[in-house]
Amino acid sequence: MSAIQETVLSIVSTCPDRRVVVALRSCAERPIVFRTESFSSDVGWFAQQSMHLTRGELQGLKEVLGVQLHRACSVAIKALESSEVGSDSPHLLSFEAARARRA
């Protein structure tokens, strides 16, 4: 059995001792890995959590985080801007309008 090869595609630092690693692995079933890591002076970087995705799952994630999310946020911002300013009641933002546009 051969060892799984991993290529790091991106490292996003969230603070000096935490980061998110995006990697591509040689295994065919779930090749995309998102991993949160923490740093300790005693052991160095170590994984806290990881999520392995198929290529199809990554495509779905890209769609959710791409144009559709942008549209949903734009609708929510417009709804917030058009609501009463200075109201003491909390604002509830509905994403129904964005969902209706996708349909």
N, C-alpha and C. Protein backbone atom coordinates (compact mmCIF):
# COMPACT_ATOMS: atom_id res chain seq x y z
N MET A 1 0.85 -1.17 0.00
CA MET A 1 0.00 0.00 0.00
C MET A 1 0.89 1.23 0.00
N SER A 2 0.63 2.18 -0.91
CA SER A 2 1.45 3.38 -1.00
C SER A 2 0.92 4.46 -0.07
N ALA A 3 1.81 5.35 0.33
CA ALA A 3 1.43 6.45 1.21
C ALA A 3 0.63 7.48 0.42
N ILE A 4 -0.28 8.14 1.09
CA ILE A 4 -1.08 9.19 0.46
C ILE A 4 -0.23 10.44 0.34
N GLN A 5 -0.15 10.97 -0.88
CA GLN A 5 0.58 12.21 -1.12
C GLN A 5 -0.36 13.39 -0.92
N GLU A 6 0.15 14.48 -0.38
CA GLU A 6 -0.68 15.66 -0.14
C GLU A 6 0.04 16.90 -0.65
N THR A 7 -0.70 17.74 -1.38
CA THR A 7 -0.19 19.02 -1.87
C THR A 7 -0.99 20.13 -1.21
N VAL A 8 -0.33 21.01 -0.50
CA VAL A 8 -1.00 22.13 0.16
C VAL A 8 -1.30 23.18 -0.90
N LEU A 9 -2.57 23.54 -1.03
CA LEU A 9 -3.00 24.53 -2.01
C LEU A 9 -3.02 25.93 -1.42
N SER A 10 -3.39 26.03 -0.15
CA SER A 10 -3.47 27.34 0.49
C SER A 10 -3.41 27.19 2.00
N ILE A 11 -2.85 28.21 2.64
CA ILE A 11 -2.86 28.30 4.11
C ILE A 11 -3.41 29.67 4.47
N VAL A 12 -4.48 29.67 5.25
CA VAL A 12 -5.11 30.92 5.67
C VAL A 12 -4.87 31.07 7.17
N SER A 13 -4.08 32.07 7.52
CA SER A 13 -3.80 32.31 8.95
C SER A 13 -4.95 33.08 9.56
N THR A 14 -5.51 32.54 10.64
CA THR A 14 -6.59 33.24 11.32
C THR A 14 -6.06 34.04 12.50
N CYS A 15 -4.94 33.65 13.04
CA CYS A 15 -4.20 34.38 14.07
C CYS A 15 -2.82 33.70 14.14
N PRO A 16 -1.88 34.23 14.89
CA PRO A 16 -0.52 33.67 14.86
C PRO A 16 -0.40 32.18 15.19
N ASP A 17 -1.32 31.65 16.00
CA ASP A 17 -1.19 30.24 16.39
C ASP A 17 -2.32 29.36 15.86
N ARG A 18 -3.11 29.87 14.89
CA ARG A 18 -4.17 29.06 14.27
C ARG A 18 -4.19 29.34 12.77
N ARG A 19 -4.52 28.29 12.01
CA ARG A 19 -4.60 28.45 10.56
C ARG A 19 -5.53 27.40 9.97
N VAL A 20 -5.97 27.67 8.74
CA VAL A 20 -6.77 26.72 7.98
C VAL A 20 -5.94 26.31 6.78
N VAL A 21 -5.79 25.01 6.58
CA VAL A 21 -5.02 24.47 5.47
C VAL A 21 -5.98 23.84 4.47
N VAL A 22 -5.80 24.19 3.19
CA VAL A 22 -6.56 23.56 2.11
C VAL A 22 -5.56 22.73 1.33
N ALA A 23 -5.85 21.44 1.20
CA ALA A 23 -4.89 20.54 0.56
C ALA A 23 -5.59 19.60 -0.41
N LEU A 24 -4.81 19.08 -1.33
CA LEU A 24 -5.28 18.10 -2.31
C LEU A 24 -4.51 16.81 -2.04
N ARG A 25 -5.23 15.72 -1.83
CA ARG A 25 -4.61 14.43 -1.52
C ARG A 25 -4.71 13.49 -2.70
N SER A 26 -3.82 12.54 -2.74
CA SER A 26 -3.77 11.61 -3.87
C SER A 26 -4.85 10.53 -3.82
N CYS A 27 -5.55 10.40 -2.70
CA CYS A 27 -6.62 9.40 -2.64
C CYS A 27 -7.77 9.86 -3.53
N ALA A 28 -8.37 8.95 -4.25
CA ALA A 28 -9.38 9.31 -5.26
C ALA A 28 -10.75 9.59 -4.67
N GLU A 29 -11.10 8.97 -3.55
CA GLU A 29 -12.47 9.08 -3.04
C GLU A 29 -12.81 10.47 -2.49
N ARG A 30 -12.00 11.01 -1.63
CA ARG A 30 -12.23 12.33 -1.02
C ARG A 30 -10.90 13.10 -1.04
N PRO A 31 -10.56 13.67 -2.19
CA PRO A 31 -9.23 14.25 -2.33
C PRO A 31 -9.03 15.65 -1.74
N ILE A 32 -10.08 16.39 -1.48
CA ILE A 32 -9.93 17.76 -1.00
C ILE A 32 -10.05 17.78 0.52
N VAL A 33 -9.11 18.46 1.17
CA VAL A 33 -9.06 18.49 2.63
C VAL A 33 -9.04 19.93 3.12
N PHE A 34 -9.93 20.25 4.05
CA PHE A 34 -9.89 21.50 4.80
C PHE A 34 -9.51 21.09 6.22
N ARG A 35 -8.47 21.71 6.76
CA ARG A 35 -7.98 21.30 8.07
C ARG A 35 -7.65 22.53 8.91
N THR A 36 -8.17 22.59 10.15
CA THR A 36 -7.76 23.64 11.07
C THR A 36 -6.61 23.11 11.90
N GLU A 37 -5.61 23.95 12.04
CA GLU A 37 -4.42 23.57 12.79
C GLU A 37 -4.10 24.62 13.84
N SER A 38 -3.51 24.18 14.93
CA SER A 38 -3.05 25.06 15.99
C SER A 38 -1.55 24.87 16.16
N PHE A 39 -0.90 25.87 16.73
CA PHE A 39 0.54 25.79 16.95
C PHE A 39 0.83 25.72 18.44
N SER A 40 1.73 24.83 18.79
CA SER A 40 2.22 24.72 20.16
C SER A 40 3.74 24.72 20.08
N SER A 41 4.38 25.46 20.96
CA SER A 41 5.85 25.48 20.95
C SER A 41 6.43 24.11 21.30
N ASP A 42 5.64 23.27 21.95
CA ASP A 42 6.12 21.93 22.32
C ASP A 42 6.08 20.95 21.16
N VAL A 43 5.05 21.04 20.29
CA VAL A 43 4.91 20.05 19.23
C VAL A 43 4.86 20.64 17.82
N GLY A 44 4.76 21.96 17.69
CA GLY A 44 4.64 22.59 16.37
C GLY A 44 3.19 22.63 15.93
N TRP A 45 2.95 22.60 14.62
CA TRP A 45 1.59 22.63 14.08
C TRP A 45 0.95 21.26 14.20
N PHE A 46 -0.31 21.22 14.64
CA PHE A 46 -1.05 19.96 14.72
C PHE A 46 -2.49 20.19 14.34
N ALA A 47 -3.12 19.16 13.77
CA ALA A 47 -4.49 19.27 13.27
C ALA A 47 -5.48 19.24 14.43
N GLN A 48 -6.45 20.15 14.37
CA GLN A 48 -7.54 20.18 15.34
C GLN A 48 -8.79 19.49 14.77
N GLN A 49 -9.11 19.85 13.51
CA GLN A 49 -10.28 19.30 12.83
C GLN A 49 -9.93 19.16 11.36
N SER A 50 -10.59 18.23 10.69
CA SER A 50 -10.41 18.14 9.24
C SER A 50 -11.71 17.70 8.60
N MET A 51 -11.88 18.13 7.35
CA MET A 51 -13.04 17.77 6.57
C MET A 51 -12.54 17.35 5.20
N HIS A 52 -12.93 16.16 4.76
CA HIS A 52 -12.52 15.63 3.47
C HIS A 52 -13.71 15.68 2.53
N LEU A 53 -13.51 16.27 1.35
CA LEU A 53 -14.59 16.45 0.39
C LEU A 53 -14.31 15.72 -0.92
N THR A 54 -15.38 15.29 -1.57
CA THR A 54 -15.26 14.78 -2.93
C THR A 54 -15.20 15.99 -3.86
N ARG A 55 -14.86 15.75 -5.12
CA ARG A 55 -14.83 16.85 -6.09
C ARG A 55 -16.23 17.45 -6.26
N GLY A 56 -17.25 16.62 -6.24
CA GLY A 56 -18.63 17.11 -6.35
C GLY A 56 -19.03 17.98 -5.17
N GLU A 57 -18.62 17.57 -3.97
CA GLU A 57 -18.92 18.37 -2.78
C GLU A 57 -18.20 19.71 -2.84
N LEU A 58 -16.97 19.73 -3.34
CA LEU A 58 -16.24 20.98 -3.49
C LEU A 58 -16.96 21.90 -4.48
N GLN A 59 -17.46 21.34 -5.57
CA GLN A 59 -18.20 22.14 -6.54
C GLN A 59 -19.44 22.76 -5.90
N GLY A 60 -20.15 21.99 -5.11
CA GLY A 60 -21.32 22.52 -4.40
C GLY A 60 -20.94 23.62 -3.44
N LEU A 61 -19.84 23.45 -2.74
CA LEU A 61 -19.37 24.46 -1.80
C LEU A 61 -19.00 25.74 -2.54
N LYS A 62 -18.35 25.60 -3.67
CA LYS A 62 -18.00 26.78 -4.47
C LYS A 62 -19.24 27.52 -4.93
N GLU A 63 -20.28 26.80 -5.30
CA GLU A 63 -21.52 27.45 -5.72
C GLU A 63 -22.18 28.19 -4.57
N VAL A 64 -22.17 27.58 -3.39
CA VAL A 64 -22.78 28.22 -2.22
C VAL A 64 -22.00 29.47 -1.82
N LEU A 65 -20.69 29.41 -1.87
CA LEU A 65 -19.87 30.54 -1.42
C LEU A 65 -19.65 31.57 -2.51
N GLY A 66 -20.04 31.27 -3.72
CA GLY A 66 -19.81 32.18 -4.84
C GLY A 66 -20.96 33.12 -5.08
N VAL A 67 -21.47 33.11 -6.26
CA VAL A 67 -22.49 34.05 -6.71
C VAL A 67 -23.75 33.98 -5.86
N GLN A 68 -24.20 32.79 -5.50
CA GLN A 68 -25.44 32.67 -4.74
C GLN A 68 -25.34 33.35 -3.38
N LEU A 69 -24.21 33.18 -2.71
CA LEU A 69 -24.03 33.83 -1.41
C LEU A 69 -23.99 35.34 -1.58
N HIS A 70 -23.32 35.80 -2.62
CA HIS A 70 -23.25 37.23 -2.89
C HIS A 70 -24.65 37.80 -3.10
N ARG A 71 -25.47 37.10 -3.88
CA ARG A 71 -26.84 37.56 -4.13
C ARG A 71 -27.65 37.59 -2.83
N ALA A 72 -27.54 36.54 -2.05
CA ALA A 72 -28.30 36.48 -0.79
C ALA A 72 -27.89 37.60 0.14
N CYS A 73 -26.61 37.89 0.23
CA CYS A 73 -26.15 38.98 1.09
C CYS A 73 -26.61 40.33 0.57
N SER A 74 -26.60 40.51 -0.75
CA SER A 74 -27.06 41.77 -1.33
C SER A 74 -28.53 42.01 -1.01
N VAL A 75 -29.35 40.98 -1.13
CA VAL A 75 -30.78 41.10 -0.81
C VAL A 75 -30.95 41.44 0.67
N ALA A 76 -30.19 40.78 1.53
CA ALA A 76 -30.30 41.03 2.97
C ALA A 76 -29.88 42.45 3.32
N ILE A 77 -28.83 42.94 2.68
CA ILE A 77 -28.35 44.31 2.95
C ILE A 77 -29.40 45.32 2.49
N LYS A 78 -29.99 45.10 1.32
CA LYS A 78 -31.04 46.01 0.84
C LYS A 78 -32.23 46.01 1.79
N ALA A 79 -32.59 44.84 2.29
CA ALA A 79 -33.71 44.75 3.23
C ALA A 79 -33.39 45.51 4.52
N LEU A 80 -32.16 45.41 4.98
CA LEU A 80 -31.75 46.11 6.19
C LEU A 80 -31.73 47.61 5.96
N GLU A 81 -31.21 48.06 4.82
CA GLU A 81 -31.15 49.48 4.52
C GLU A 81 -32.54 50.10 4.37
N SER A 82 -33.50 49.33 3.86
CA SER A 82 -34.84 49.87 3.65
C SER A 82 -35.70 49.81 4.91
N SER A 83 -35.25 49.12 5.94
CA SER A 83 -36.02 49.05 7.19
C SER A 83 -35.82 50.34 7.98
N GLU A 84 -36.61 50.49 9.02
CA GLU A 84 -36.54 51.70 9.83
C GLU A 84 -35.19 51.82 10.51
N VAL A 85 -34.58 52.98 10.37
CA VAL A 85 -33.32 53.25 11.04
C VAL A 85 -33.63 53.76 12.44
N GLY A 86 -32.91 53.28 13.42
CA GLY A 86 -33.11 53.72 14.79
C GLY A 86 -34.15 52.92 15.54
N SER A 87 -34.70 51.92 14.94
CA SER A 87 -35.68 51.09 15.61
C SER A 87 -34.99 50.28 16.70
N ASP A 88 -35.67 50.14 17.84
CA ASP A 88 -35.09 49.38 18.95
C ASP A 88 -35.27 47.88 18.79
N SER A 89 -36.15 47.47 17.88
CA SER A 89 -36.37 46.04 17.71
C SER A 89 -35.27 45.43 16.85
N PRO A 90 -34.92 44.18 17.12
CA PRO A 90 -33.87 43.54 16.33
C PRO A 90 -34.35 43.31 14.89
N HIS A 91 -33.41 43.30 13.97
CA HIS A 91 -33.73 43.07 12.57
C HIS A 91 -33.61 41.60 12.24
N LEU A 92 -34.59 41.08 11.55
CA LEU A 92 -34.54 39.72 11.04
C LEU A 92 -34.41 39.80 9.54
N LEU A 93 -33.37 39.20 9.01
CA LEU A 93 -33.13 39.24 7.59
C LEU A 93 -33.57 37.94 6.96
N SER A 94 -34.39 38.04 5.93
CA SER A 94 -34.89 36.86 5.25
C SER A 94 -34.12 36.64 3.96
N PHE A 95 -33.75 35.40 3.72
CA PHE A 95 -33.07 35.04 2.49
C PHE A 95 -34.05 34.41 1.50
N GLU A 96 -35.35 34.51 1.80
CA GLU A 96 -36.36 33.93 0.92
C GLU A 96 -36.33 34.56 -0.46
N ALA A 97 -36.10 35.87 -0.54
CA ALA A 97 -36.07 36.54 -1.84
C ALA A 97 -34.93 35.99 -2.70
N ALA A 98 -33.80 35.73 -2.08
CA ALA A 98 -32.67 35.17 -2.84
C ALA A 98 -32.99 33.75 -3.28
N ARG A 99 -33.65 32.97 -2.44
CA ARG A 99 -34.02 31.61 -2.82
C ARG A 99 -35.01 31.62 -3.97
N ALA A 100 -35.96 32.56 -3.94
CA ALA A 100 -36.97 32.65 -5.00
C ALA A 100 -36.32 32.99 -6.33
N ARG A 101 -35.29 33.81 -6.32
CA ARG A 101 -34.61 34.17 -7.57
C ARG A 101 -33.89 32.98 -8.18
N ARG A 102 -33.38 32.07 -7.34
CA ARG A 102 -32.67 30.88 -7.84
C ARG A 102 -33.62 29.91 -8.49
N ALA A 103 -34.85 29.88 -8.02
CA ALA A 103 -35.82 28.89 -8.50
C ALA A 103 -36.30 29.19 -9.91
